[in-house]
Structure formats: C-alpha cells, structure tokens
PDB file of N, CA and C in Angstrom:
ATOM      1  N   MET A   1      88.104  71.329  92.908  1.00  0.00           N
ATOM      2  CA  MET A   1      88.174  72.729  93.402  1.00  0.00           C
ATOM      3  C   MET A   1      89.194  73.474  92.631  1.00  0.00           C
ATOM      4  N   GLY A   2      88.906  74.749  92.174  1.00  0.00           N
ATOM      5  CA  GLY A   2      89.845  75.552  91.337  1.00  0.00           C
ATOM      6  C   GLY A   2      90.747  76.316  92.293  1.00  0.00           C
ATOM      7  N   LEU A   3      91.818  76.797  91.601  1.00  0.00           N
ATOM      8  CA  LEU A   3      92.735  77.707  92.290  1.00  0.00           C
ATOM      9  C   LEU A   3      92.155  79.104  92.501  1.00  0.00           C
ATOM     10  N   VAL A   4      92.519  79.671  93.630  1.00  0.00           N
ATOM     11  CA  VAL A   4      92.128  81.062  93.873  1.00  0.00           C
ATOM     12  C   VAL A   4      93.397  81.840  93.987  1.00  0.00           C
ATOM     13  N   TRP A   5      93.543  82.945  93.215  1.00  0.00           N
ATOM     14  CA  TRP A   5      94.649  83.777  93.253  1.00  0.00           C
ATOM     15  C   TRP A   5      94.287  85.032  94.182  1.00  0.00           C
ATOM     16  N   ILE A   6      95.281  85.254  94.970  1.00  0.00           N
ATOM     17  CA  ILE A   6      95.122  86.507  95.882  1.00  0.00           C
ATOM     18  C   ILE A   6      96.256  87.410  95.637  1.00  0.00           C
ATOM     19  N   THR A   7      95.951  88.601  95.438  1.00  0.00           N
ATOM     20  CA  THR A   7      97.054  89.589  95.221  1.00  0.00           C
ATOM     21  C   THR A   7      97.262  90.280  96.527  1.00  0.00           C
ATOM     22  N   VAL A   8      98.526  90.296  96.932  1.00  0.00           N
ATOM     23  CA  VAL A   8      98.866  90.935  98.215  1.00  0.00           C
ATOM     24  C   VAL A   8      99.854  92.023  97.909  1.00  0.00           C
ATOM     25  N   GLU A   9      99.525  93.261  98.337  1.00  0.00           N
ATOM     26  CA  GLU A   9     100.525  94.312  98.186  1.00  0.00           C
ATOM     27  C   GLU A   9     101.322  94.491  99.482  1.00  0.00           C
ATOM     28  N   VAL A  10     102.606  94.379  99.340  1.00  0.00           N
ATOM     29  CA  VAL A  10     103.512  94.470 100.474  1.00  0.00           C
ATOM     30  C   VAL A  10     104.024  95.909 100.537  1.00  0.00           C
ATOM     31  N   ARG A  11     103.856  96.560 101.688  1.00  0.00           N
ATOM     32  CA  ARG A  11     104.420  97.961 101.857  1.00  0.00           C
ATOM     33  C   ARG A  11     105.498  97.855 102.924  1.00  0.00           C
ATOM     34  N   ILE A  12     106.786  98.090 102.473  1.00  0.00           N
ATOM     35  CA  ILE A  12     107.895  98.131 103.395  1.00  0.00           C
ATOM     36  C   ILE A  12     108.091  99.477 103.941  1.00  0.00           C
ATOM     37  N   LEU A  13     108.141  99.610 105.265  1.00  0.00           N
ATOM     38  CA  LEU A  13     108.271 100.780 105.984  1.00  0.00           C
ATOM     39  C   LEU A  13     109.792 101.181 105.924  1.00  0.00           C
ATOM     40  N   SER A  14     110.187 102.023 105.034  1.00  0.00           N
ATOM     41  CA  SER A  14     111.547 102.481 104.952  1.00  0.00           C
ATOM     42  C   SER A  14     111.441 104.049 105.050  1.00  0.00           C
ATOM     43  N   GLU A  15     112.537 104.690 105.229  1.00  0.00           N
ATOM     44  CA  GLU A  15     112.617 106.177 105.235  1.00  0.00           C
ATOM     45  C   GLU A  15     112.016 106.759 103.955  1.00  0.00           C
ATOM     46  N   GLU A  16     112.528 106.228 102.948  1.00  0.00           N
ATOM     47  CA  GLU A  16     112.133 106.635 101.515  1.00  0.00           C
ATOM     48  C   GLU A  16     110.613 106.452 101.375  1.00  0.00           C
ATOM     49  N   ASN A  17     110.089 105.330 101.674  1.00  0.00           N
ATOM     50  CA  ASN A  17     108.640 105.145 101.486  1.00  0.00           C
ATOM     51  C   ASN A  17     107.766 105.947 102.392  1.00  0.00           C
ATOM     52  N   LEU A  18     108.223 106.124 103.704  1.00  0.00           N
ATOM     53  CA  LEU A  18     107.482 106.961 104.524  1.00  0.00           C
ATOM     54  C   LEU A  18     107.391 108.377 104.116  1.00  0.00           C
ATOM     55  N   LEU A  19     108.540 108.922 103.702  1.00  0.00           N
ATOM     56  CA  LEU A  19     108.662 110.319 103.224  1.00  0.00           C
ATOM     57  C   LEU A  19     107.727 110.511 101.996  1.00  0.00           C
ATOM     58  N   GLU A  20     107.730 109.464 101.075  1.00  0.00           N
ATOM     59  CA  GLU A  20     106.965 109.577  99.846  1.00  0.00           C
ATOM     60  C   GLU A  20     105.411 109.539 100.218  1.00  0.00           C
ATOM     61  N   PHE A  21     105.095 108.666 101.190  1.00  0.00           N
ATOM     62  CA  PHE A  21     103.619 108.592 101.615  1.00  0.00           C
ATOM     63  C   PHE A  21     103.199 109.842 102.238  1.00  0.00           C
ATOM     64  N   CYS A  22     104.099 110.456 102.952  1.00  0.00           N
ATOM     65  CA  CYS A  22     103.751 111.755 103.657  1.00  0.00           C
ATOM     66  C   CYS A  22     103.864 112.968 102.838  1.00  0.00           C
ATOM     67  N   TRP A  23     103.997 112.844 101.537  1.00  0.00           N
ATOM     68  CA  TRP A  23     104.049 113.987 100.697  1.00  0.00           C
ATOM     69  C   TRP A  23     102.708 114.851 100.816  1.00  0.00           C
ATOM     70  N   ILE A  24     101.651 114.022 100.964  1.00  0.00           N
ATOM     71  CA  ILE A  24     100.346 114.592 101.448  1.00  0.00           C
ATOM     72  C   ILE A  24     100.269 114.432 102.969  1.00  0.00           C
ATOM     73  N   PRO A  25      99.842 115.463 103.701  1.00  0.00           N
ATOM     74  CA  PRO A  25      99.841 115.385 105.199  1.00  0.00           C
ATOM     75  C   PRO A  25      98.967 114.097 105.657  1.00  0.00           C
ATOM     76  N   ARG A  26      99.532 113.389 106.545  1.00  0.00           N
ATOM     77  CA  ARG A  26      98.946 112.068 107.010  1.00  0.00           C
ATOM     78  C   ARG A  26      98.960 112.101 108.495  1.00  0.00           C
ATOM     79  N   THR A  27      97.884 111.486 109.055  1.00  0.00           N
ATOM     80  CA  THR A  27      97.869 111.366 110.535  1.00  0.00           C
ATOM     81  C   THR A  27      98.679 110.118 110.916  1.00  0.00           C
ATOM     82  N   LYS A  28      99.059 109.995 112.232  1.00  0.00           N
ATOM     83  CA  LYS A  28      99.782 108.836 112.683  1.00  0.00           C
ATOM     84  C   LYS A  28      99.032 107.556 112.395  1.00  0.00           C
ATOM     85  N   VAL A  29      97.688 107.557 112.571  1.00  0.00           N
ATOM     86  CA  VAL A  29      96.871 106.319 112.284  1.00  0.00           C
ATOM     87  C   VAL A  29      96.896 105.974 110.790  1.00  0.00           C
ATOM     88  N   GLU A  30      96.813 106.993 109.956  1.00  0.00           N
ATOM     89  CA  GLU A  30      96.995 106.677 108.446  1.00  0.00           C
ATOM     90  C   GLU A  30      98.296 105.970 108.115  1.00  0.00           C
ATOM     91  N   ILE A  31      99.409 106.497 108.733  1.00  0.00           N
ATOM     92  CA  ILE A  31     100.666 105.891 108.554  1.00  0.00           C
ATOM     93  C   ILE A  31     100.694 104.522 109.063  1.00  0.00           C
ATOM     94  N   MET A  32     100.274 104.323 110.256  1.00  0.00           N
ATOM     95  CA  MET A  32     100.307 103.055 110.872  1.00  0.00           C
ATOM     96  C   MET A  32      99.519 101.993 110.065  1.00  0.00           C
ATOM     97  N   GLU A  33      98.316 102.374 109.617  1.00  0.00           N
ATOM     98  CA  GLU A  33      97.492 101.456 108.835  1.00  0.00           C
ATOM     99  C   GLU A  33      98.073 101.149 107.439  1.00  0.00           C
ATOM    100  N   TYR A  34      98.645 102.184 106.842  1.00  0.00           N
ATOM    101  CA  TYR A  34      99.166 101.933 105.562  1.00  0.00           C
ATOM    102  C   TYR A  34     100.387 100.957 105.537  1.00  0.00           C
ATOM    103  N   PHE A  35     101.223 101.129 106.476  1.00  0.00           N
ATOM    104  CA  PHE A  35     102.438 100.264 106.582  1.00  0.00           C
ATOM    105  C   PHE A  35     102.244  99.023 107.452  1.00  0.00           C
ATOM    106  N   GLY A  36     101.148  98.955 108.235  1.00  0.00           N
ATOM    107  CA  GLY A  36     100.856  97.743 108.993  1.00  0.00           C
ATOM    108  C   GLY A  36     101.765  97.693 110.270  1.00  0.00           C
ATOM    109  N   VAL A  37     102.032  98.817 110.860  1.00  0.00           N
ATOM    110  CA  VAL A  37     102.851  98.868 112.112  1.00  0.00           C
ATOM    111  C   VAL A  37     102.028  99.198 113.252  1.00  0.00           C
ATOM    112  N   SER A  38     102.435  98.861 114.449  1.00  0.00           N
ATOM    113  CA  SER A  38     101.716  99.256 115.684  1.00  0.00           C
ATOM    114  C   SER A  38     101.812 100.715 115.918  1.00  0.00           C
ATOM    115  N   CYS A  39     100.788 101.228 116.627  1.00  0.00           N
ATOM    116  CA  CYS A  39     100.685 102.619 116.884  1.00  0.00           C
ATOM    117  C   CYS A  39     101.740 103.042 117.930  1.00  0.00           C
ATOM    118  N   LYS A  40     102.106 102.122 118.782  1.00  0.00           N
ATOM    119  CA  LYS A  40     103.069 102.527 119.835  1.00  0.00           C
ATOM    120  C   LYS A  40     104.486 102.565 119.290  1.00  0.00           C
ATOM    121  N   ALA A  41     104.765 101.763 118.345  1.00  0.00           N
ATOM    122  CA  ALA A  41     106.145 101.816 117.692  1.00  0.00           C
ATOM    123  C   ALA A  41     106.303 102.958 116.667  1.00  0.00           C
ATOM    124  N   THR A  42     105.235 103.386 116.118  1.00  0.00           N
ATOM    125  CA  THR A  42     105.308 104.430 114.995  1.00  0.00           C
ATOM    126  C   THR A  42     105.969 105.692 115.420  1.00  0.00           C
ATOM    127  N   PRO A  43     105.641 106.397 116.466  1.00  0.00           N
ATOM    128  CA  PRO A  43     106.306 107.693 116.780  1.00  0.00           C
ATOM    129  C   PRO A  43     107.796 107.609 117.065  1.00  0.00           C
ATOM    130  N   GLY A  44     108.095 106.775 118.032  1.00  0.00           N
ATOM    131  CA  GLY A  44     109.517 106.803 118.570  1.00  0.00           C
ATOM    132  C   GLY A  44     110.471 106.207 117.480  1.00  0.00           C
ATOM    133  N   LYS A  45     110.031 105.161 116.867  1.00  0.00           N
ATOM    134  CA  LYS A  45     110.957 104.402 115.972  1.00  0.00           C
ATOM    135  C   LYS A  45     111.034 104.944 114.590  1.00  0.00           C
ATOM    136  N   TYR A  46     109.949 105.525 114.117  1.00  0.00           N
ATOM    137  CA  TYR A  46     109.993 105.914 112.704  1.00  0.00           C
ATOM    138  C   TYR A  46     109.796 107.483 112.521  1.00  0.00           C
ATOM    139  N   LEU A  47     108.816 108.110 113.227  1.00  0.00           N
ATOM    140  CA  LEU A  47     108.561 109.525 112.989  1.00  0.00           C
ATOM    141  C   LEU A  47     109.551 110.476 113.589  1.00  0.00           C
ATOM    142  N   GLU A  48     109.834 110.248 114.905  1.00  0.00           N
ATOM    143  CA  GLU A  48     110.739 111.169 115.618  1.00  0.00           C
ATOM    144  C   GLU A  48     112.083 111.327 114.994  1.00  0.00           C
ATOM    145  N   PRO A  49     112.727 110.192 114.576  1.00  0.00           N
ATOM    146  CA  PRO A  49     114.041 110.381 113.959  1.00  0.00           C
ATOM    147  C   PRO A  49     114.057 111.315 112.675  1.00  0.00           C
ATOM    148  N   LEU A  50     112.995 111.086 111.886  1.00  0.00           N
ATOM    149  CA  LEU A  50     112.876 111.892 110.635  1.00  0.00           C
ATOM    150  C   LEU A  50     112.543 113.326 110.965  1.00  0.00           C
ATOM    151  N   MET A  51     111.806 113.591 112.054  1.00  0.00           N
ATOM    152  CA  MET A  51     111.533 114.939 112.411  1.00  0.00           C
ATOM    153  C   MET A  51     112.816 115.634 112.980  1.00  0.00           C
ATOM    154  N   ARG A  52     113.616 114.828 113.702  1.00  0.00           N
ATOM    155  CA  ARG A  52     114.870 115.442 114.165  1.00  0.00           C
ATOM    156  C   ARG A  52     115.880 115.783 113.035  1.00  0.00           C
ATOM    157  N   ALA A  53     115.746 115.013 112.044  1.00  0.00           N
ATOM    158  CA  ALA A  53     116.598 115.170 110.892  1.00  0.00           C
ATOM    159  C   ALA A  53     116.147 116.198 109.913  1.00  0.00           C
ATOM    160  N   GLY A  54     114.902 116.762 110.242  1.00  0.00           N
ATOM    161  CA  GLY A  54     114.316 117.795 109.329  1.00  0.00           C
ATOM    162  C   GLY A  54     113.680 117.323 108.075  1.00  0.00           C
ATOM    163  N   LYS A  55     113.364 116.058 108.022  1.00  0.00           N
ATOM    164  CA  LYS A  55     112.803 115.454 106.741  1.00  0.00           C
ATOM    165  C   LYS A  55     111.308 115.361 106.907  1.00  0.00           C
ATOM    166  N   LEU A  56     110.819 115.455 108.092  1.00  0.00           N
ATOM    167  CA  LEU A  56     109.348 115.392 108.359  1.00  0.00           C
ATOM    168  C   LEU A  56     109.001 116.473 109.328  1.00  0.00           C
ATOM    169  N   ARG A  57     107.814 116.946 109.291  1.00  0.00           N
ATOM    170  CA  ARG A  57     107.403 118.025 110.238  1.00  0.00           C
ATOM    171  C   ARG A  57     105.878 117.802 110.522  1.00  0.00           C
ATOM    172  N   HIS A  58     105.514 118.521 111.635  1.00  0.00           N
ATOM    173  CA  HIS A  58     104.098 118.556 112.079  1.00  0.00           C
ATOM    174  C   HIS A  58     103.443 119.568 111.178  1.00  0.00           C
ATOM    175  N   THR A  59     102.058 119.383 110.959  1.00  0.00           N
ATOM    176  CA  THR A  59     101.282 120.411 110.183  1.00  0.00           C
ATOM    177  C   THR A  59     100.926 121.474 111.168  1.00  0.00           C
ATOM    178  N   ILE A  60     100.778 121.176 112.440  1.00  0.00           N
ATOM    179  CA  ILE A  60     100.458 122.242 113.427  1.00  0.00           C
ATOM    180  C   ILE A  60     101.672 122.243 114.415  1.00  0.00           C
ATOM    181  N   ALA A  61     102.788 122.980 113.981  1.00  0.00           N
ATOM    182  CA  ALA A  61     104.064 122.893 114.653  1.00  0.00           C
ATOM    183  C   ALA A  61     103.977 123.447 116.056  1.00  0.00           C
ATOM    184  N   ASP A  62     103.236 124.417 116.371  1.00  0.00           N
ATOM    185  CA  ASP A  62     103.242 124.918 117.680  1.00  0.00           C
ATOM    186  C   ASP A  62     102.384 124.114 118.752  1.00  0.00           C
ATOM    187  N   GLN A  63     101.698 123.027 118.195  1.00  0.00           N
ATOM    188  CA  GLN A  63     100.884 122.233 119.074  1.00  0.00           C
ATOM    189  C   GLN A  63     101.075 120.762 118.735  1.00  0.00           C
ATOM    190  N   PRO A  64     102.311 120.201 119.139  1.00  0.00           N
ATOM    191  CA  PRO A  64     102.612 118.854 118.723  1.00  0.00           C
ATOM    192  C   PRO A  64     101.726 117.727 119.212  1.00  0.00           C
ATOM    193  N   THR A  65     100.933 118.016 120.305  1.00  0.00           N
ATOM    194  CA  THR A  65     100.030 117.011 120.765  1.00  0.00           C
ATOM    195  C   THR A  65      98.527 117.170 120.328  1.00  0.00           C
ATOM    196  N   ASN A  66      98.367 118.062 119.441  1.00  0.00           N
ATOM    197  CA  ASN A  66      96.937 118.365 118.932  1.00  0.00           C
ATOM    198  C   ASN A  66      96.414 117.128 118.270  1.00  0.00           C
ATOM    199  N   ARG A  67      95.122 116.793 118.544  1.00  0.00           N
ATOM    200  CA  ARG A  67      94.573 115.529 118.059  1.00  0.00           C
ATOM    201  C   ARG A  67      94.335 115.583 116.543  1.00  0.00           C
ATOM    202  N   PHE A  68      94.412 116.796 115.963  1.00  0.00           N
ATOM    203  CA  PHE A  68      94.276 116.882 114.493  1.00  0.00           C
ATOM    204  C   PHE A  68      95.643 116.884 113.783  1.00  0.00           C
ATOM    205  N   GLN A  69      96.692 116.587 114.568  1.00  0.00           N
ATOM    206  CA  GLN A  69      98.053 116.725 113.995  1.00  0.00           C
ATOM    207  C   GLN A  69      98.294 115.738 112.827  1.00  0.00           C
ATOM    208  N   LYS A  70      99.008 116.230 111.838  1.00  0.00           N
ATOM    209  CA  LYS A  70      99.444 115.366 110.715  1.00  0.00           C
ATOM    210  C   LYS A  70     100.849 115.592 110.534  1.00  0.00           C
ATOM    211  N   PHE A  71     101.411 114.695 109.728  1.00  0.00           N
ATOM    212  CA  PHE A  71     102.861 114.749 109.523  1.00  0.00           C
ATOM    213  C   PHE A  71     102.999 114.876 107.937  1.00  0.00           C
ATOM    214  N   VAL A  72     104.033 115.698 107.525  1.00  0.00           N
ATOM    215  CA  VAL A  72     104.263 115.954 106.083  1.00  0.00           C
ATOM    216  C   VAL A  72     105.791 115.980 105.865  1.00  0.00           C
ATOM    217  N   SER A  73     106.085 115.507 104.638  1.00  0.00           N
ATOM    218  CA  SER A  73     107.499 115.537 104.189  1.00  0.00           C
ATOM    219  C   SER A  73     107.924 116.954 104.026  1.00  0.00           C
ATOM    220  N   VAL A  74     109.224 117.222 104.289  1.00  0.00           N
ATOM    221  CA  VAL A  74     109.728 118.547 103.996  1.00  0.00           C
ATOM    222  C   VAL A  74     110.517 118.506 102.710  1.00  0.00           C
TER     223      VAL A  74
END
C-alpha cells in the first residue's frame, strides 16, 4: 500500500487574522466556518471585543440583530 499525502491548512483565530479575513464583509457563520470555531463562542469571545475597540463594525449598524448582518474591519 502506498503513502497518501494530505495537505491540511491550519487557520489560527487571532485578532490579526480575523481582521484580515473581515476586510471583505463576512457573516458570523462564514467567520465560524473559516476558523473552525463554535457559533456560540464567536460573538462574545472574538467579535464583541474587536467591535468595542473600534476595529470591527456591523455592516447594518442601526440593526445589530438583522439576519443579514455582516462584520467588516475598520
């Protein structure tokens, strides 16, 4: 039996990587899937601190719970 090579791309969720990924507006689900984190952990642990710091913002600022909401780097 021959060897099989598998290429695995590891995406580390850091502030820098998240802000770079969100240069194009992204949904919470897109962010979660790209970095492989749970949906429940994403907003409170990763997105909200960046929003408070002014580094990330909603695309529909006056409706933060809108189902079409996306996040974009500032």
